[in-house]
N, C-alpha and C. Protein backbone atom coordinates (compact mmCIF):
# COMPACT_ATOMS: atom_id res chain seq x y z
N MET A 1 98.15 115.03 94.10
CA MET A 1 99.38 114.84 94.84
C MET A 1 99.46 113.39 95.32
N ALA A 2 100.62 112.82 95.20
CA ALA A 2 100.82 111.42 95.57
C ALA A 2 100.70 111.24 97.08
N LYS A 3 100.09 110.12 97.45
CA LYS A 3 99.98 109.78 98.87
C LYS A 3 101.29 109.15 99.32
N THR A 4 101.65 109.45 100.55
CA THR A 4 102.87 108.89 101.12
C THR A 4 102.60 108.41 102.54
N ILE A 5 103.47 107.55 103.00
CA ILE A 5 103.49 107.13 104.40
C ILE A 5 104.87 107.49 104.92
N THR A 6 104.91 108.16 106.05
CA THR A 6 106.18 108.51 106.69
C THR A 6 106.30 107.70 107.97
N LEU A 7 107.45 107.10 108.16
CA LEU A 7 107.69 106.34 109.38
C LEU A 7 109.11 106.59 109.85
N GLU A 8 109.32 106.34 111.12
CA GLU A 8 110.65 106.49 111.69
C GLU A 8 111.08 105.15 112.26
N TYR A 9 112.31 104.78 111.92
CA TYR A 9 112.85 103.51 112.37
C TYR A 9 114.31 103.72 112.74
N GLN A 10 114.66 103.41 113.96
CA GLN A 10 116.01 103.54 114.48
C GLN A 10 116.62 104.91 114.17
N GLY A 11 115.82 105.95 114.42
CA GLY A 11 116.30 107.32 114.28
C GLY A 11 116.32 107.87 112.87
N LYS A 12 115.88 107.09 111.90
CA LYS A 12 115.87 107.54 110.51
C LYS A 12 114.42 107.62 110.03
N THR A 13 114.12 108.67 109.28
CA THR A 13 112.79 108.86 108.73
C THR A 13 112.75 108.33 107.30
N TYR A 14 111.71 107.57 107.02
CA TYR A 14 111.50 106.98 105.69
C TYR A 14 110.17 107.47 105.13
N THR A 15 110.18 107.81 103.86
CA THR A 15 108.96 108.20 103.16
C THR A 15 108.66 107.13 102.14
N LEU A 16 107.52 106.49 102.30
CA LEU A 16 107.11 105.43 101.38
C LEU A 16 106.16 106.01 100.34
N GLU A 17 106.42 105.68 99.08
CA GLU A 17 105.62 106.23 97.99
C GLU A 17 105.80 105.35 96.76
N TYR A 18 104.79 105.33 95.92
CA TYR A 18 104.91 104.68 94.61
C TYR A 18 104.82 105.75 93.54
N THR A 19 105.67 105.62 92.56
CA THR A 19 105.62 106.49 91.39
C THR A 19 105.37 105.61 90.17
N ARG A 20 105.15 106.24 89.06
CA ARG A 20 104.97 105.47 87.83
C ARG A 20 106.18 104.57 87.57
N LYS A 21 107.35 105.13 87.81
CA LYS A 21 108.58 104.37 87.59
C LYS A 21 108.69 103.17 88.53
N THR A 22 108.38 103.37 89.81
CA THR A 22 108.52 102.26 90.75
C THR A 22 107.47 101.18 90.50
N VAL A 23 106.27 101.57 90.09
CA VAL A 23 105.24 100.58 89.74
C VAL A 23 105.69 99.78 88.52
N GLU A 24 106.26 100.47 87.52
CA GLU A 24 106.79 99.77 86.34
C GLU A 24 107.86 98.77 86.74
N GLU A 25 108.78 99.18 87.61
CA GLU A 25 109.85 98.28 88.06
C GLU A 25 109.27 97.05 88.75
N MET A 26 108.30 97.26 89.61
CA MET A 26 107.69 96.15 90.33
C MET A 26 107.00 95.19 89.37
N GLU A 27 106.29 95.74 88.38
CA GLU A 27 105.61 94.89 87.40
C GLU A 27 106.62 94.09 86.58
N ARG A 28 107.72 94.73 86.19
CA ARG A 28 108.75 94.01 85.43
C ARG A 28 109.35 92.86 86.24
N ARG A 29 109.38 93.02 87.54
CA ARG A 29 109.92 91.98 88.42
C ARG A 29 108.88 90.92 88.77
N GLY A 30 107.68 91.06 88.21
CA GLY A 30 106.65 90.04 88.40
C GLY A 30 105.60 90.35 89.44
N PHE A 31 105.66 91.52 90.07
CA PHE A 31 104.65 91.84 91.07
C PHE A 31 103.31 92.12 90.40
N SER A 32 102.24 91.59 90.99
CA SER A 32 100.89 91.86 90.51
C SER A 32 99.99 92.06 91.71
N LEU A 33 99.35 93.21 91.78
CA LEU A 33 98.43 93.49 92.87
C LEU A 33 97.27 92.49 92.88
N ASP A 34 96.92 92.00 91.70
CA ASP A 34 95.83 91.01 91.59
C ASP A 34 96.16 89.72 92.33
N GLU A 35 97.43 89.43 92.50
CA GLU A 35 97.85 88.18 93.15
C GLU A 35 98.09 88.35 94.65
N LEU A 36 97.74 89.50 95.18
CA LEU A 36 97.99 89.77 96.59
C LEU A 36 97.34 88.73 97.50
N GLY A 37 96.11 88.34 97.19
CA GLY A 37 95.42 87.36 98.01
C GLY A 37 95.79 85.93 97.69
N ILE A 38 96.49 85.71 96.57
CA ILE A 38 96.86 84.37 96.15
C ILE A 38 98.25 83.99 96.68
N LYS A 39 99.19 84.89 96.50
CA LYS A 39 100.57 84.67 96.95
C LYS A 39 100.89 85.69 98.05
N THR A 40 100.14 85.60 99.10
CA THR A 40 100.21 86.60 100.17
C THR A 40 101.59 86.70 100.81
N MET A 41 102.19 85.58 101.13
CA MET A 41 103.49 85.59 101.81
C MET A 41 104.59 86.19 100.95
N THR A 42 104.43 86.13 99.66
CA THR A 42 105.41 86.71 98.75
C THR A 42 105.07 88.17 98.46
N ASN A 43 103.81 88.44 98.16
CA ASN A 43 103.44 89.75 97.64
C ASN A 43 103.28 90.85 98.69
N LEU A 44 102.85 90.53 99.90
CA LEU A 44 102.76 91.60 100.90
C LEU A 44 104.13 92.19 101.22
N PRO A 45 105.16 91.38 101.46
CA PRO A 45 106.48 91.98 101.66
C PRO A 45 107.01 92.73 100.42
N LEU A 46 106.67 92.24 99.22
CA LEU A 46 107.09 92.94 98.00
C LEU A 46 106.40 94.29 97.87
N LEU A 47 105.12 94.33 98.24
CA LEU A 47 104.38 95.59 98.20
C LEU A 47 105.02 96.60 99.15
N PHE A 48 105.37 96.14 100.34
CA PHE A 48 106.01 97.02 101.33
C PHE A 48 107.38 97.49 100.82
N ALA A 49 108.19 96.56 100.37
CA ALA A 49 109.54 96.90 99.90
C ALA A 49 109.49 97.84 98.70
N GLY A 50 108.53 97.64 97.82
CA GLY A 50 108.42 98.49 96.63
C GLY A 50 108.16 99.94 96.97
N ALA A 51 107.52 100.19 98.09
CA ALA A 51 107.23 101.56 98.50
C ALA A 51 108.49 102.33 98.90
N PHE A 52 109.57 101.62 99.15
CA PHE A 52 110.85 102.26 99.49
C PHE A 52 111.60 102.74 98.24
N ARG A 53 111.28 102.20 97.07
CA ARG A 53 112.06 102.44 95.86
C ARG A 53 112.10 103.91 95.43
N ALA A 54 111.04 104.65 95.66
CA ALA A 54 111.00 106.05 95.18
C ALA A 54 112.00 106.94 95.91
N HIS A 55 112.13 106.75 97.23
CA HIS A 55 112.97 107.67 98.02
C HIS A 55 114.14 107.00 98.73
N HIS A 56 114.11 105.68 98.81
CA HIS A 56 115.14 104.96 99.58
C HIS A 56 115.57 103.71 98.83
N ARG A 57 115.93 103.90 97.61
CA ARG A 57 116.26 102.82 96.68
C ARG A 57 117.37 101.90 97.20
N TYR A 58 118.29 102.44 97.95
CA TYR A 58 119.47 101.66 98.33
C TYR A 58 119.41 101.11 99.76
N VAL A 59 118.24 101.14 100.36
CA VAL A 59 118.10 100.51 101.68
C VAL A 59 118.13 99.01 101.47
N LYS A 60 118.92 98.33 102.26
CA LYS A 60 119.07 96.88 102.12
C LYS A 60 117.77 96.16 102.45
N SER A 61 117.53 95.06 101.76
CA SER A 61 116.31 94.29 101.96
C SER A 61 116.19 93.80 103.40
N GLU A 62 117.31 93.51 104.03
CA GLU A 62 117.27 93.06 105.42
C GLU A 62 116.71 94.14 106.34
N VAL A 63 117.06 95.40 106.05
CA VAL A 63 116.56 96.52 106.85
C VAL A 63 115.05 96.68 106.63
N ILE A 64 114.63 96.58 105.36
CA ILE A 64 113.20 96.70 105.05
C ILE A 64 112.41 95.57 105.72
N GLU A 65 112.94 94.37 105.69
CA GLU A 65 112.29 93.24 106.34
C GLU A 65 112.20 93.46 107.85
N ASP A 66 113.25 94.03 108.44
CA ASP A 66 113.24 94.30 109.88
C ASP A 66 112.21 95.39 110.21
N ILE A 67 112.14 96.40 109.39
CA ILE A 67 111.14 97.45 109.60
C ILE A 67 109.74 96.83 109.55
N LEU A 68 109.48 96.01 108.55
CA LEU A 68 108.17 95.37 108.41
C LEU A 68 107.85 94.51 109.63
N SER A 69 108.84 93.81 110.15
CA SER A 69 108.60 92.94 111.30
C SER A 69 108.21 93.73 112.55
N HIS A 70 108.53 95.03 112.57
CA HIS A 70 108.20 95.87 113.72
C HIS A 70 106.99 96.78 113.47
N MET A 71 106.41 96.71 112.29
CA MET A 71 105.25 97.56 111.98
C MET A 71 104.02 97.08 112.73
N THR A 72 103.24 98.02 113.22
CA THR A 72 101.97 97.71 113.87
C THR A 72 100.83 98.00 112.90
N ASN A 73 99.65 97.51 113.23
CA ASN A 73 98.45 97.77 112.43
C ASN A 73 98.67 97.40 110.96
N ARG A 74 99.19 96.21 110.73
CA ARG A 74 99.59 95.78 109.39
C ARG A 74 98.44 95.67 108.40
N GLU A 75 97.29 95.26 108.87
CA GLU A 75 96.16 95.15 107.94
C GLU A 75 95.86 96.51 107.30
N GLU A 76 95.81 97.55 108.12
CA GLU A 76 95.58 98.90 107.60
C GLU A 76 96.76 99.37 106.75
N LEU A 77 97.97 99.03 107.17
CA LEU A 77 99.17 99.38 106.41
C LEU A 77 99.07 98.84 104.98
N PHE A 78 98.76 97.57 104.84
CA PHE A 78 98.70 96.97 103.51
C PHE A 78 97.52 97.49 102.70
N ARG A 79 96.44 97.86 103.37
CA ARG A 79 95.32 98.48 102.65
C ARG A 79 95.75 99.83 102.08
N LYS A 80 96.44 100.62 102.89
CA LYS A 80 96.92 101.93 102.43
C LYS A 80 97.96 101.78 101.32
N LEU A 81 98.87 100.83 101.47
CA LEU A 81 99.88 100.61 100.42
C LEU A 81 99.22 100.20 99.11
N SER A 82 98.18 99.39 99.17
CA SER A 82 97.47 98.99 97.96
C SER A 82 96.83 100.20 97.28
N GLU A 83 96.22 101.08 98.07
CA GLU A 83 95.64 102.31 97.52
C GLU A 83 96.71 103.17 96.87
N MET A 84 97.85 103.28 97.55
CA MET A 84 98.94 104.09 97.02
C MET A 84 99.49 103.51 95.73
N TYR A 85 99.55 102.19 95.64
CA TYR A 85 100.11 101.51 94.47
C TYR A 85 99.28 101.81 93.21
N VAL A 86 97.96 101.83 93.34
CA VAL A 86 97.12 102.06 92.16
C VAL A 86 97.04 103.53 91.76
N GLU A 87 97.48 104.42 92.62
CA GLU A 87 97.40 105.85 92.31
C GLU A 87 98.14 106.24 91.02
N PRO A 88 99.40 105.81 90.81
CA PRO A 88 100.06 106.14 89.54
C PRO A 88 99.38 105.50 88.32
N ILE A 89 98.79 104.34 88.51
CA ILE A 89 98.07 103.67 87.41
C ILE A 89 96.84 104.48 87.05
N ASN A 90 96.09 104.93 88.06
CA ASN A 90 94.92 105.76 87.81
C ASN A 90 95.29 107.08 87.13
N ALA A 91 96.41 107.66 87.54
CA ALA A 91 96.86 108.91 86.93
C ALA A 91 97.19 108.72 85.45
N LEU A 92 97.76 107.56 85.11
CA LEU A 92 98.07 107.26 83.71
C LEU A 92 96.80 107.18 82.87
N MET A 93 95.74 106.66 83.47
CA MET A 93 94.49 106.45 82.73
C MET A 93 93.61 107.70 82.65
N GLU A 94 93.92 108.73 83.42
CA GLU A 94 93.11 109.96 83.40
C GLU A 94 93.21 110.65 82.05
N GLU A 95 92.10 111.22 81.65
CA GLU A 95 92.06 112.01 80.42
C GLU A 95 92.70 113.37 80.67
N PRO A 96 93.40 113.92 79.66
CA PRO A 96 93.97 115.27 79.83
C PRO A 96 92.86 116.31 79.86
N ASP A 97 93.19 117.47 80.33
CA ASP A 97 92.25 118.59 80.38
C ASP A 97 91.78 118.89 78.95
N GLU A 98 90.47 118.97 78.77
CA GLU A 98 89.91 119.19 77.44
C GLU A 98 90.34 120.51 76.83
N ASP A 99 90.67 121.50 77.65
CA ASP A 99 91.05 122.82 77.15
C ASP A 99 92.51 122.92 76.74
N ASP A 100 93.27 121.87 76.93
CA ASP A 100 94.70 121.88 76.59
C ASP A 100 94.85 121.83 75.08
N GLU A 101 95.45 122.88 74.51
CA GLU A 101 95.62 122.96 73.06
C GLU A 101 96.61 121.92 72.53
N GLY A 102 97.40 121.35 73.37
CA GLY A 102 98.39 120.37 72.95
C GLY A 102 97.87 118.95 72.89
N ASN A 103 96.57 118.74 73.19
CA ASN A 103 96.01 117.39 73.17
C ASN A 103 96.10 116.80 71.78
N VAL A 104 96.33 115.50 71.71
CA VAL A 104 96.41 114.78 70.45
C VAL A 104 95.15 113.93 70.32
N SER A 105 94.45 114.10 69.22
CA SER A 105 93.26 113.28 68.98
C SER A 105 93.64 112.17 68.00
N TRP A 106 92.84 111.14 67.99
CA TRP A 106 93.09 110.03 67.08
C TRP A 106 91.75 109.45 66.65
N ASP A 107 91.78 108.75 65.55
CA ASP A 107 90.55 108.19 64.96
C ASP A 107 90.47 106.70 65.34
N PRO A 108 89.50 106.33 66.18
CA PRO A 108 89.40 104.94 66.61
C PRO A 108 88.70 104.03 65.60
N SER A 109 88.32 104.53 64.44
CA SER A 109 87.62 103.69 63.48
C SER A 109 88.61 102.76 62.76
N TRP A 110 88.15 101.58 62.44
CA TRP A 110 89.01 100.59 61.79
C TRP A 110 88.78 100.67 60.33
């Protein structure tokens, strides 16, 4: 089950989550988790904003920026968001259940 963060801001509840689709969108736009420590001022806000895409796609960037400016415990927040971001990637890389009759095998020999 996907990890989420729920927060309330100005009377509205927001659920932050990354899905395979939202991670793909972020990558297409140039986001890279590997660059988090290199381009911190750019990538931390992008990581936060990207978590809104799954459930709150049409929230204005100004609102997301305002929410971020009021968030507490940011170091832990960004650590959790990073964990959440890699979850869909890890799910993609998981092997299917060996007992599934629909599995497709392939020959890796050249």
